[in-house]
Amino acid sequence: QVQLVESGGGLVQPGGSLRLSCAASGFTFSNSAMSWYRQAPGKERELVAAITRAGGITNYADSVKGRFTISRDNAKNTLYLQMDSLKPEDTAVYYCYAIGSRYWGKGTLVTVSS
């Protein structure tokens, strides 16, 4: 069955970095545009970044532009999110999503705090 498994979350100080990964299985990863969403406590889930099937085009929320980088390795069926210059307002559960599908991961928690 389809699985999206996020990893790499944790506690980091403001200004620090984390790299999230999303391991995909059960579908043809290279045929799917992919994205990262996040949901902070008490807030709606929001789009963070998206990437096309071959990885040639990316889009970012204004709040993370210049700090986060989405990428993918189709040979490894893995999606990544490099997060630099992290801020407390980046604290959220981060989810991997196959665009246009009903497939979501269970999320990984990122906490930015001193």
PDB file of N, CA and C in Angstrom:
ATOM      1  N   GLN A   1       0.831  -1.177   0.000  1.00  0.00           N
ATOM      2  CA  GLN A   1       0.000   0.000   0.000  1.00  0.00           C
ATOM      3  C   GLN A   1       0.879   1.246   0.000  1.00  0.00           C
ATOM      4  N   VAL A   2       0.258   2.386  -0.269  1.00  0.00           N
ATOM      5  CA  VAL A   2       1.002   3.636  -0.322  1.00  0.00           C
ATOM      6  C   VAL A   2       1.464   4.037   1.083  1.00  0.00           C
ATOM      7  N   GLN A   3       2.741   4.382   1.175  1.00  0.00           N
ATOM      8  CA  GLN A   3       3.276   4.891   2.439  1.00  0.00           C
ATOM      9  C   GLN A   3       4.148   6.100   2.182  1.00  0.00           C
ATOM     10  N   LEU A   4       3.989   7.092   3.028  1.00  0.00           N
ATOM     11  CA  LEU A   4       4.861   8.261   3.067  1.00  0.00           C
ATOM     12  C   LEU A   4       5.317   8.393   4.509  1.00  0.00           C
ATOM     13  N   VAL A   5       6.611   8.252   4.732  1.00  0.00           N
ATOM     14  CA  VAL A   5       7.134   8.232   6.091  1.00  0.00           C
ATOM     15  C   VAL A   5       8.146   9.355   6.261  1.00  0.00           C
ATOM     16  N   GLU A   6       7.763  10.339   7.070  1.00  0.00           N
ATOM     17  CA  GLU A   6       8.646  11.472   7.328  1.00  0.00           C
ATOM     18  C   GLU A   6       9.613  11.156   8.468  1.00  0.00           C
ATOM     19  N   SER A   7      10.784  11.783   8.414  1.00  0.00           N
ATOM     20  CA  SER A   7      11.762  11.663   9.491  1.00  0.00           C
ATOM     21  C   SER A   7      12.631  12.909   9.500  1.00  0.00           C
ATOM     22  N   GLY A   8      13.411  13.061  10.571  1.00  0.00           N
ATOM     23  CA  GLY A   8      14.358  14.168  10.638  1.00  0.00           C
ATOM     24  C   GLY A   8      13.949  15.320  11.520  1.00  0.00           C
ATOM     25  N   GLY A   9      12.740  15.278  12.060  1.00  0.00           N
ATOM     26  CA  GLY A   9      12.310  16.346  12.949  1.00  0.00           C
ATOM     27  C   GLY A   9      13.027  16.278  14.284  1.00  0.00           C
ATOM     28  N   GLY A  10      12.818  17.316  15.090  1.00  0.00           N
ATOM     29  CA  GLY A  10      13.432  17.349  16.412  1.00  0.00           C
ATOM     30  C   GLY A  10      13.440  18.751  16.974  1.00  0.00           C
ATOM     31  N   LEU A  11      14.214  18.906  18.036  1.00  0.00           N
ATOM     32  CA  LEU A  11      14.351  20.203  18.703  1.00  0.00           C
ATOM     33  C   LEU A  11      15.625  20.876  18.216  1.00  0.00           C
ATOM     34  N   VAL A  12      15.503  22.130  17.813  1.00  0.00           N
ATOM     35  CA  VAL A  12      16.655  22.877  17.314  1.00  0.00           C
ATOM     36  C   VAL A  12      16.556  24.311  17.825  1.00  0.00           C
ATOM     37  N   GLN A  13      17.706  24.936  18.029  1.00  0.00           N
ATOM     38  CA  GLN A  13      17.720  26.318  18.487  1.00  0.00           C
ATOM     39  C   GLN A  13      17.437  27.276  17.333  1.00  0.00           C
ATOM     40  N   PRO A  14      16.909  28.442  17.617  1.00  0.00           N
ATOM     41  CA  PRO A  14      16.727  29.449  16.562  1.00  0.00           C
ATOM     42  C   PRO A  14      18.040  29.696  15.818  1.00  0.00           C
ATOM     43  N   GLY A  15      17.926  29.779  14.496  1.00  0.00           N
ATOM     44  CA  GLY A  15      19.102  29.941  13.654  1.00  0.00           C
ATOM     45  C   GLY A  15      19.714  28.637  13.202  1.00  0.00           C
ATOM     46  N   GLY A  16      19.242  27.542  13.748  1.00  0.00           N
ATOM     47  CA  GLY A  16      19.782  26.236  13.403  1.00  0.00           C
ATOM     48  C   GLY A  16      19.174  25.662  12.133  1.00  0.00           C
ATOM     49  N   SER A  17      19.580  24.435  11.824  1.00  0.00           N
ATOM     50  CA  SER A  17      19.146  23.753  10.605  1.00  0.00           C
ATOM     51  C   SER A  17      18.654  22.351  10.911  1.00  0.00           C
ATOM     52  N   LEU A  18      17.758  21.890  10.062  1.00  0.00           N
ATOM     53  CA  LEU A  18      17.304  20.497  10.073  1.00  0.00           C
ATOM     54  C   LEU A  18      17.062  20.069   8.634  1.00  0.00           C
ATOM     55  N   ARG A  19      17.181  18.785   8.396  1.00  0.00           N
ATOM     56  CA  ARG A  19      16.842  18.229   7.096  1.00  0.00           C
ATOM     57  C   ARG A  19      15.794  17.150   7.294  1.00  0.00           C
ATOM     58  N   LEU A  20      14.629  17.381   6.715  1.00  0.00           N
ATOM     59  CA  LEU A  20      13.566  16.401   6.766  1.00  0.00           C
ATOM     60  C   LEU A  20      13.639  15.490   5.548  1.00  0.00           C
ATOM     61  N   SER A  21      13.243  14.243   5.744  1.00  0.00           N
ATOM     62  CA  SER A  21      13.155  13.284   4.651  1.00  0.00           C
ATOM     63  C   SER A  21      11.759  12.671   4.645  1.00  0.00           C
ATOM     64  N   CYS A  22      11.327  12.263   3.462  1.00  0.00           N
ATOM     65  CA  CYS A  22      10.057  11.559   3.310  1.00  0.00           C
ATOM     66  C   CYS A  22      10.304  10.374   2.387  1.00  0.00           C
ATOM     67  N   ALA A  23      10.229   9.173   2.932  1.00  0.00           N
ATOM     68  CA  ALA A  23      10.431   7.955   2.155  1.00  0.00           C
ATOM     69  C   ALA A  23       9.087   7.503   1.605  1.00  0.00           C
ATOM     70  N   ALA A  24       9.013   7.359   0.292  1.00  0.00           N
ATOM     71  CA  ALA A  24       7.758   6.998  -0.372  1.00  0.00           C
ATOM     72  C   ALA A  24       7.821   5.569  -0.877  1.00  0.00           C
ATOM     73  N   SER A  25       6.678   4.879  -0.820  1.00  0.00           N
ATOM     74  CA  SER A  25       6.577   3.534  -1.366  1.00  0.00           C
ATOM     75  C   SER A  25       5.131   3.256  -1.735  1.00  0.00           C
ATOM     76  N   GLY A  26       4.945   2.249  -2.593  1.00  0.00           N
ATOM     77  CA  GLY A  26       3.598   1.828  -2.969  1.00  0.00           C
ATOM     78  C   GLY A  26       2.996   2.578  -4.144  1.00  0.00           C
ATOM     79  N   PHE A  27       3.731   3.512  -4.724  1.00  0.00           N
ATOM     80  CA  PHE A  27       3.281   4.211  -5.920  1.00  0.00           C
ATOM     81  C   PHE A  27       4.520   4.662  -6.690  1.00  0.00           C
ATOM     82  N   THR A  28       4.296   5.130  -7.913  1.00  0.00           N
ATOM     83  CA  THR A  28       5.417   5.549  -8.749  1.00  0.00           C
ATOM     84  C   THR A  28       5.801   6.970  -8.374  1.00  0.00           C
ATOM     85  N   PHE A  29       6.770   7.066  -7.492  1.00  0.00           N
ATOM     86  CA  PHE A  29       7.181   8.345  -6.928  1.00  0.00           C
ATOM     87  C   PHE A  29       7.551   9.356  -8.009  1.00  0.00           C
ATOM     88  N   SER A  30       8.269   8.909  -9.021  1.00  0.00           N
ATOM     89  CA  SER A  30       8.762   9.828 -10.047  1.00  0.00           C
ATOM     90  C   SER A  30       7.640  10.408 -10.900  1.00  0.00           C
ATOM     91  N   ASN A  31       6.441   9.834 -10.815  1.00  0.00           N
ATOM     92  CA  ASN A  31       5.288  10.343 -11.565  1.00  0.00           C
ATOM     93  C   ASN A  31       4.456  11.351 -10.780  1.00  0.00           C
ATOM     94  N   SER A  32       4.884  11.644  -9.562  1.00  0.00           N
ATOM     95  CA  SER A  32       4.075  12.485  -8.685  1.00  0.00           C
ATOM     96  C   SER A  32       4.806  13.749  -8.270  1.00  0.00           C
ATOM     97  N   ALA A  33       4.157  14.897  -8.516  1.00  0.00           N
ATOM     98  CA  ALA A  33       4.645  16.113  -7.884  1.00  0.00           C
ATOM     99  C   ALA A  33       4.452  15.953  -6.379  1.00  0.00           C
ATOM    100  N   MET A  34       5.356  16.547  -5.610  1.00  0.00           N
ATOM    101  CA  MET A  34       5.343  16.340  -4.161  1.00  0.00           C
ATOM    102  C   MET A  34       5.394  17.672  -3.430  1.00  0.00           C
ATOM    103  N   SER A  35       5.050  17.625  -2.169  1.00  0.00           N
ATOM    104  CA  SER A  35       5.025  18.857  -1.391  1.00  0.00           C
ATOM    105  C   SER A  35       5.250  18.577   0.090  1.00  0.00           C
ATOM    106  N   TRP A  36       5.595  19.642   0.790  1.00  0.00           N
ATOM    107  CA  TRP A  36       5.649  19.642   2.243  1.00  0.00           C
ATOM    108  C   TRP A  36       4.606  20.642   2.754  1.00  0.00           C
ATOM    109  N   TYR A  37       3.867  20.216   3.738  1.00  0.00           N
ATOM    110  CA  TYR A  37       2.941  21.082   4.458  1.00  0.00           C
ATOM    111  C   TYR A  37       3.362  21.102   5.925  1.00  0.00           C
ATOM    112  N   ARG A  38       2.838  22.060   6.653  1.00  0.00           N
ATOM    113  CA  ARG A  38       3.056  22.082   8.098  1.00  0.00           C
ATOM    114  C   ARG A  38       1.806  22.574   8.806  1.00  0.00           C
ATOM    115  N   GLN A  39       1.701  22.152  10.049  1.00  0.00           N
ATOM    116  CA  GLN A  39       0.584  22.585  10.874  1.00  0.00           C
ATOM    117  C   GLN A  39       1.094  22.914  12.270  1.00  0.00           C
ATOM    118  N   ALA A  40       0.981  24.185  12.602  1.00  0.00           N
ATOM    119  CA  ALA A  40       1.378  24.639  13.932  1.00  0.00           C
ATOM    120  C   ALA A  40       0.199  24.479  14.891  1.00  0.00           C
ATOM    121  N   PRO A  41       0.481  24.411  16.189  1.00  0.00           N
ATOM    122  CA  PRO A  41      -0.604  24.260  17.167  1.00  0.00           C
ATOM    123  C   PRO A  41      -1.658  25.350  17.014  1.00  0.00           C
ATOM    124  N   GLY A  42      -2.913  24.950  16.890  1.00  0.00           N
ATOM    125  CA  GLY A  42      -4.007  25.900  16.805  1.00  0.00           C
ATOM    126  C   GLY A  42      -4.154  26.586  15.467  1.00  0.00           C
ATOM    127  N   LYS A  43      -3.396  26.137  14.472  1.00  0.00           N
ATOM    128  CA  LYS A  43      -3.458  26.787  13.156  1.00  0.00           C
ATOM    129  C   LYS A  43      -3.836  25.786  12.076  1.00  0.00           C
ATOM    130  N   GLU A  44      -4.222  26.326  10.914  1.00  0.00           N
ATOM    131  CA  GLU A  44      -4.548  25.501   9.759  1.00  0.00           C
ATOM    132  C   GLU A  44      -3.265  24.917   9.153  1.00  0.00           C
ATOM    133  N   ARG A  45      -3.427  23.768   8.494  1.00  0.00           N
ATOM    134  CA  ARG A  45      -2.297  23.215   7.757  1.00  0.00           C
ATOM    135  C   ARG A  45      -1.998  24.125   6.575  1.00  0.00           C
ATOM    136  N   GLU A  46      -0.714  24.386   6.321  1.00  0.00           N
ATOM    137  CA  GLU A  46      -0.335  25.288   5.240  1.00  0.00           C
ATOM    138  C   GLU A  46       0.750  24.670   4.372  1.00  0.00           C
ATOM    139  N   LEU A  47       0.733  25.063   3.101  1.00  0.00           N
ATOM    140  CA  LEU A  47       1.746  24.617   2.159  1.00  0.00           C
ATOM    141  C   LEU A  47       3.066  25.317   2.465  1.00  0.00           C
ATOM    142  N   VAL A  48       4.131  24.535   2.527  1.00  0.00           N
ATOM    143  CA  VAL A  48       5.467  25.076   2.756  1.00  0.00           C
ATOM    144  C   VAL A  48       6.244  25.150   1.445  1.00  0.00           C
ATOM    145  N   ALA A  49       6.247  24.029   0.697  1.00  0.00           N
ATOM    146  CA  ALA A  49       7.025  23.975  -0.535  1.00  0.00           C
ATOM    147  C   ALA A  49       6.495  22.853  -1.409  1.00  0.00           C
ATOM    148  N   ALA A  50       6.717  22.986  -2.717  1.00  0.00           N
ATOM    149  CA  ALA A  50       6.288  21.967  -3.669  1.00  0.00           C
ATOM    150  C   ALA A  50       7.353  21.810  -4.742  1.00  0.00           C
ATOM    151  N   ILE A  51       7.349  20.639  -5.365  1.00  0.00           N
ATOM    152  CA  ILE A  51       8.357  20.341  -6.386  1.00  0.00           C
ATOM    153  C   ILE A  51       7.723  19.480  -7.464  1.00  0.00           C
ATOM    154  N   THR A  52       8.104  19.745  -8.712  1.00  0.00           N
ATOM    155  CA  THR A  52       7.558  18.980  -9.824  1.00  0.00           C
ATOM    156  C   THR A  52       8.163  17.575  -9.879  1.00  0.00           C
ATOM    157  N   ARG A  53       7.639  16.759 -10.796  1.00  0.00           N
ATOM    158  CA  ARG A  53       8.013  15.349 -10.832  1.00  0.00           C
ATOM    159  C   ARG A  53       9.512  15.135 -11.030  1.00  0.00           C
ATOM    160  N   ALA A  54      10.099  15.903 -11.927  1.00  0.00           N
ATOM    161  CA  ALA A  54      11.533  15.747 -12.189  1.00  0.00           C
ATOM    162  C   ALA A  54      12.383  16.658 -11.306  1.00  0.00           C
ATOM    163  N   GLY A  55      11.725  17.513 -10.542  1.00  0.00           N
ATOM    164  CA  GLY A  55      12.451  18.392  -9.635  1.00  0.00           C
ATOM    165  C   GLY A  55      12.916  19.696 -10.237  1.00  0.00           C
ATOM    166  N   GLY A  56      12.478  19.971 -11.465  1.00  0.00           N
ATOM    167  CA  GLY A  56      12.977  21.155 -12.137  1.00  0.00           C
ATOM    168  C   GLY A  56      12.353  22.462 -11.680  1.00  0.00           C
ATOM    169  N   ILE A  57      11.169  22.390 -11.107  1.00  0.00           N
ATOM    170  CA  ILE A  57      10.465  23.592 -10.662  1.00  0.00           C
ATOM    171  C   ILE A  57      10.054  23.426  -9.202  1.00  0.00           C
ATOM    172  N   THR A  58      10.314  24.468  -8.425  1.00  0.00           N
ATOM    173  CA  THR A  58       9.951  24.460  -7.008  1.00  0.00           C
ATOM    174  C   THR A  58       9.178  25.726  -6.666  1.00  0.00           C
ATOM    175  N   ASN A  59       8.367  25.634  -5.644  1.00  0.00           N
ATOM    176  CA  ASN A  59       7.616  26.785  -5.141  1.00  0.00           C
ATOM    177  C   ASN A  59       7.699  26.794  -3.620  1.00  0.00           C
ATOM    178  N   TYR A  60       7.679  27.991  -3.054  1.00  0.00           N
ATOM    179  CA  TYR A  60       7.806  28.121  -1.605  1.00  0.00           C
ATOM    180  C   TYR A  60       6.803  29.131  -1.065  1.00  0.00           C
ATOM    181  N   ALA A  61       6.373  28.886   0.162  1.00  0.00           N
ATOM    182  CA  ALA A  61       5.611  29.905   0.871  1.00  0.00           C
ATOM    183  C   ALA A  61       6.525  31.101   1.129  1.00  0.00           C
ATOM    184  N   ASP A  62       5.949  32.289   1.113  1.00  0.00           N
ATOM    185  CA  ASP A  62       6.759  33.490   1.325  1.00  0.00           C
ATOM    186  C   ASP A  62       7.504  33.431   2.660  1.00  0.00           C
ATOM    187  N   SER A  63       6.892  32.803   3.644  1.00  0.00           N
ATOM    188  CA  SER A  63       7.479  32.777   4.989  1.00  0.00           C
ATOM    189  C   SER A  63       8.757  31.947   5.077  1.00  0.00           C
ATOM    190  N   VAL A  64       9.006  31.080   4.090  1.00  0.00           N
ATOM    191  CA  VAL A  64      10.200  30.221   4.145  1.00  0.00           C
ATOM    192  C   VAL A  64      11.143  30.462   2.978  1.00  0.00           C
ATOM    193  N   LYS A  65      10.743  31.315   2.055  1.00  0.00           N
ATOM    194  CA  LYS A  65      11.556  31.557   0.864  1.00  0.00           C
ATOM    195  C   LYS A  65      12.947  32.053   1.265  1.00  0.00           C
ATOM    196  N   GLY A  66      13.977  31.449   0.668  1.00  0.00           N
ATOM    197  CA  GLY A  66      15.343  31.839   0.985  1.00  0.00           C
ATOM    198  C   GLY A  66      15.938  31.101   2.167  1.00  0.00           C
ATOM    199  N   ARG A  67      15.098  30.377   2.911  1.00  0.00           N
ATOM    200  CA  ARG A  67      15.590  29.638   4.083  1.00  0.00           C
ATOM    201  C   ARG A  67      15.423  28.130   3.919  1.00  0.00           C
ATOM    202  N   PHE A  68      14.383  27.701   3.227  1.00  0.00           N
ATOM    203  CA  PHE A  68      14.091  26.278   3.033  1.00  0.00           C
ATOM    204  C   PHE A  68      14.354  25.892   1.581  1.00  0.00           C
ATOM    205  N   THR A  69      14.767  24.640   1.383  1.00  0.00           N
ATOM    206  CA  THR A  69      14.989  24.112   0.048  1.00  0.00           C
ATOM    207  C   THR A  69      14.366  22.732  -0.063  1.00  0.00           C
ATOM    208  N   ILE A  70      13.445  22.587  -1.015  1.00  0.00           N
ATOM    209  CA  ILE A  70      12.836  21.280  -1.276  1.00  0.00           C
ATOM    210  C   ILE A  70      13.606  20.598  -2.398  1.00  0.00           C
ATOM    211  N   SER A  71      13.778  19.296  -2.275  1.00  0.00           N
ATOM    212  CA  SER A  71      14.466  18.533  -3.325  1.00  0.00           C
ATOM    213  C   SER A  71      13.956  17.102  -3.290  1.00  0.00           C
ATOM    214  N   ARG A  72      14.342  16.340  -4.290  1.00  0.00           N
ATOM    215  CA  ARG A  72      13.907  14.943  -4.347  1.00  0.00           C
ATOM    216  C   ARG A  72      14.975  14.100  -5.026  1.00  0.00           C
ATOM    217  N   ASP A  73      14.961  12.822  -4.681  1.00  0.00           N
ATOM    218  CA  ASP A  73      15.836  11.842  -5.326  1.00  0.00           C
ATOM    219  C   ASP A  73      14.919  10.730  -5.821  1.00  0.00           C
ATOM    220  N   ASN A  74      14.599  10.752  -7.095  1.00  0.00           N
ATOM    221  CA  ASN A  74      13.651   9.769  -7.629  1.00  0.00           C
ATOM    222  C   ASN A  74      14.233   8.356  -7.624  1.00  0.00           C
ATOM    223  N   ALA A  75      15.539   8.237  -7.662  1.00  0.00           N
ATOM    224  CA  ALA A  75      16.165   6.904  -7.602  1.00  0.00           C
ATOM    225  C   ALA A  75      15.985   6.278  -6.217  1.00  0.00           C
ATOM    226  N   LYS A  76      15.863   7.123  -5.206  1.00  0.00           N
ATOM    227  CA  LYS A  76      15.695   6.648  -3.830  1.00  0.00           C
ATOM    228  C   LYS A  76      14.259   6.791  -3.329  1.00  0.00           C
ATOM    229  N   ASN A  77      13.362   7.277  -4.186  1.00  0.00           N
ATOM    230  CA  ASN A  77      11.959   7.490  -3.786  1.00  0.00           C
ATOM    231  C   ASN A  77      11.859   8.329  -2.523  1.00  0.00           C
ATOM    232  N   THR A  78      12.643   9.393  -2.472  1.00  0.00           N
ATOM    233  CA  THR A  78      12.715  10.201  -1.255  1.00  0.00           C
ATOM    234  C   THR A  78      12.595  11.686  -1.572  1.00  0.00           C
ATOM    235  N   LEU A  79      11.825  12.349  -0.742  1.00  0.00           N
ATOM    236  CA  LEU A  79      11.637  13.798  -0.792  1.00  0.00           C
ATOM    237  C   LEU A  79      12.361  14.408   0.407  1.00  0.00           C
ATOM    238  N   TYR A  80      12.934  15.591   0.201  1.00  0.00           N
ATOM    239  CA  TYR A  80      13.693  16.244   1.266  1.00  0.00           C
ATOM    240  C   TYR A  80      13.204  17.679   1.484  1.00  0.00           C
ATOM    241  N   LEU A  81      13.467  18.172   2.687  1.00  0.00           N
ATOM    242  CA  LEU A  81      13.273  19.584   2.974  1.00  0.00           C
ATOM    243  C   LEU A  81      14.438  20.038   3.848  1.00  0.00           C
ATOM    244  N   GLN A  82      15.333  20.821   3.273  1.00  0.00           N
ATOM    245  CA  GLN A  82      16.435  21.414   4.024  1.00  0.00           C
ATOM    246  C   GLN A  82      15.940  22.724   4.617  1.00  0.00           C
ATOM    247  N   MET A  83      16.016  22.826   5.929  1.00  0.00           N
ATOM    248  CA  MET A  83      15.508  24.004   6.629  1.00  0.00           C
ATOM    249  C   MET A  83      16.665  24.685   7.339  1.00  0.00           C
ATOM    250  N   ASP A  84      16.971  25.900   6.930  1.00  0.00           N
ATOM    251  CA  ASP A  84      18.053  26.677   7.529  1.00  0.00           C
ATOM    252  C   ASP A  84      17.489  27.942   8.180  1.00  0.00           C
ATOM    253  N   SER A  85      18.305  28.563   9.003  1.00  0.00           N
ATOM    254  CA  SER A  85      17.901  29.806   9.690  1.00  0.00           C
ATOM    255  C   SER A  85      16.526  29.662  10.328  1.00  0.00           C
ATOM    256  N   LEU A  86      16.347  28.588  11.035  1.00  0.00           N
ATOM    257  CA  LEU A  86      15.036  28.289  11.611  1.00  0.00           C
ATOM    258  C   LEU A  86      14.637  29.320  12.662  1.00  0.00           C
ATOM    259  N   LYS A  87      13.334  29.571  12.697  1.00  0.00           N
ATOM    260  CA  LYS A  87      12.746  30.544  13.621  1.00  0.00           C
ATOM    261  C   LYS A  87      11.718  29.839  14.511  1.00  0.00           C
ATOM    262  N   PRO A  88      11.438  30.403  15.663  1.00  0.00           N
ATOM    263  CA  PRO A  88      10.418  29.775  16.521  1.00  0.00           C
ATOM    264  C   PRO A  88       9.078  29.581  15.812  1.00  0.00           C
ATOM    265  N   GLU A  89       8.745  30.493  14.899  1.00  0.00           N
ATOM    266  CA  GLU A  89       7.472  30.366  14.191  1.00  0.00           C
ATOM    267  C   GLU A  89       7.459  29.229  13.165  1.00  0.00           C
ATOM    268  N   ASP A  90       8.588  28.579  12.961  1.00  0.00           N
ATOM    269  CA  ASP A  90       8.635  27.384  12.107  1.00  0.00           C
ATOM    270  C   ASP A  90       8.221  26.133  12.871  1.00  0.00           C
ATOM    271  N   THR A  91       8.014  26.259  14.167  1.00  0.00           N
ATOM    272  CA  THR A  91       7.593  25.112  14.971  1.00  0.00           C
ATOM    273  C   THR A  91       6.248  24.586  14.481  1.00  0.00           C
ATOM    274  N   ALA A  92       6.220  23.301  14.132  1.00  0.00           N
ATOM    275  CA  ALA A  92       5.007  22.694  13.569  1.00  0.00           C
ATOM    276  C   ALA A  92       5.269  21.211  13.339  1.00  0.00           C
ATOM    277  N   VAL A  93       4.191  20.506  13.026  1.00  0.00           N
ATOM    278  CA  VAL A  93       4.326  19.160  12.482  1.00  0.00           C
ATOM    279  C   VAL A  93       4.397  19.305  10.968  1.00  0.00           C
ATOM    280  N   TYR A  94       5.413  18.688  10.387  1.00  0.00           N
ATOM    281  CA  TYR A  94       5.645  18.777   8.945  1.00  0.00           C
ATOM    282  C   TYR A  94       5.198  17.486   8.273  1.00  0.00           C
ATOM    283  N   TYR A  95       4.418  17.652   7.195  1.00  0.00           N
ATOM    284  CA  TYR A  95       3.833  16.521   6.496  1.00  0.00           C
ATOM    285  C   TYR A  95       4.305  16.482   5.040  1.00  0.00           C
ATOM    286  N   CYS A  96       4.473  15.299   4.554  1.00  0.00           N
ATOM    287  CA  CYS A  96       4.770  15.029   3.165  1.00  0.00           C
ATOM    288  C   CYS A  96       3.457  14.703   2.463  1.00  0.00           C
ATOM    289  N   TYR A  97       3.263  15.226   1.236  1.00  0.00           N
ATOM    290  CA  TYR A  97       2.003  15.009   0.522  1.00  0.00           C
ATOM    291  C   TYR A  97       2.273  14.818  -0.959  1.00  0.00           C
ATOM    292  N   ALA A  98       1.670  13.772  -1.521  1.00  0.00           N
ATOM    293  CA  ALA A  98       1.738  13.542  -2.963  1.00  0.00           C
ATOM    294  C   ALA A  98       0.626  14.366  -3.612  1.00  0.00           C
ATOM    295  N   ILE A  99       1.010  15.398  -4.344  1.00  0.00           N
ATOM    296  CA  ILE A  99       0.049  16.357  -4.887  1.00  0.00           C
ATOM    297  C   ILE A  99      -0.971  15.676  -5.788  1.00  0.00           C
ATOM    298  N   GLY A 100      -2.247  15.998  -5.570  1.00  0.00           N
ATOM    299  CA  GLY A 100      -3.323  15.447  -6.378  1.00  0.00           C
ATOM    300  C   GLY A 100      -3.825  14.109  -5.899  1.00  0.00           C
ATOM    301  N   SER A 101      -3.234  13.599  -4.844  1.00  0.00           N
ATOM    302  CA  SER A 101      -3.630  12.293  -4.308  1.00  0.00           C
ATOM    303  C   SER A 101      -4.282  12.480  -2.945  1.00  0.00           C
ATOM    304  N   ARG A 102      -4.621  11.351  -2.334  1.00  0.00           N
ATOM    305  CA  ARG A 102      -5.124  11.412  -0.962  1.00  0.00           C
ATOM    306  C   ARG A 102      -4.046  10.950   0.031  1.00  0.00           C
ATOM    307  N   TYR A 103      -2.812  10.876  -0.453  1.00  0.00           N
ATOM    308  CA  TYR A 103      -1.755  10.278   0.358  1.00  0.00           C
ATOM    309  C   TYR A 103      -0.958  11.318   1.151  1.00  0.00           C
ATOM    310  N   TRP A 104      -1.010  11.186   2.459  1.00  0.00           N
ATOM    311  CA  TRP A 104      -0.269  12.033   3.386  1.00  0.00           C
ATOM    312  C   TRP A 104       0.570  11.156   4.302  1.00  0.00           C
ATOM    313  N   GLY A 105       1.705  11.685   4.726  1.00  0.00           N
ATOM    314  CA  GLY A 105       2.453  11.024   5.779  1.00  0.00           C
ATOM    315  C   GLY A 105       1.827  11.348   7.125  1.00  0.00           C
ATOM    316  N   LYS A 106       2.392  10.755   8.189  1.00  0.00           N
ATOM    317  CA  LYS A 106       1.873  11.000   9.534  1.00  0.00           C
ATOM    318  C   LYS A 106       2.514  12.203  10.191  1.00  0.00           C
ATOM    319  N   GLY A 107       3.574  12.702   9.579  1.00  0.00           N
ATOM    320  CA  GLY A 107       4.172  13.932  10.070  1.00  0.00           C
ATOM    321  C   GLY A 107       5.383  13.713  10.967  1.00  0.00           C
ATOM    322  N   THR A 108       6.212  14.759  11.033  1.00  0.00           N
ATOM    323  CA  THR A 108       7.346  14.778  11.947  1.00  0.00           C
ATOM    324  C   THR A 108       7.384  16.147  12.616  1.00  0.00           C
ATOM    325  N   LEU A 109       7.604  16.156  13.925  1.00  0.00           N
ATOM    326  CA  LEU A 109       7.524  17.394  14.694  1.00  0.00           C
ATOM    327  C   LEU A 109       8.845  18.140  14.671  1.00  0.00           C
ATOM    328  N   VAL A 110       8.766  19.406  14.327  1.00  0.00           N
ATOM    329  CA  VAL A 110       9.915  20.304  14.390  1.00  0.00           C
ATOM    330  C   VAL A 110       9.627  21.363  15.448  1.00  0.00           C
ATOM    331  N   THR A 111      10.531  21.465  16.409  1.00  0.00           N
ATOM    332  CA  THR A 111      10.392  22.458  17.469  1.00  0.00           C
ATOM    333  C   THR A 111      11.614  23.357  17.462  1.00  0.00           C
ATOM    334  N   VAL A 112      11.378  24.651  17.298  1.00  0.00           N
ATOM    335  CA  VAL A 112      12.469  25.623  17.275  1.00  0.00           C
ATOM    336  C   VAL A 112      12.360  26.458  18.554  1.00  0.00           C
ATOM    337  N   SER A 113      13.323  26.246  19.434  1.00  0.00           N
ATOM    338  CA  SER A 113      13.257  26.901  20.738  1.00  0.00           C
ATOM    339  C   SER A 113      14.630  26.931  21.376  1.00  0.00           C
ATOM    340  N   SER A 114      14.871  27.985  22.150  1.00  0.00           N
ATOM    341  CA  SER A 114      16.124  28.064  22.897  1.00  0.00           C
ATOM    342  C   SER A 114      15.929  27.507  24.306  1.00  0.00           C
TER     343      SER A 114
END
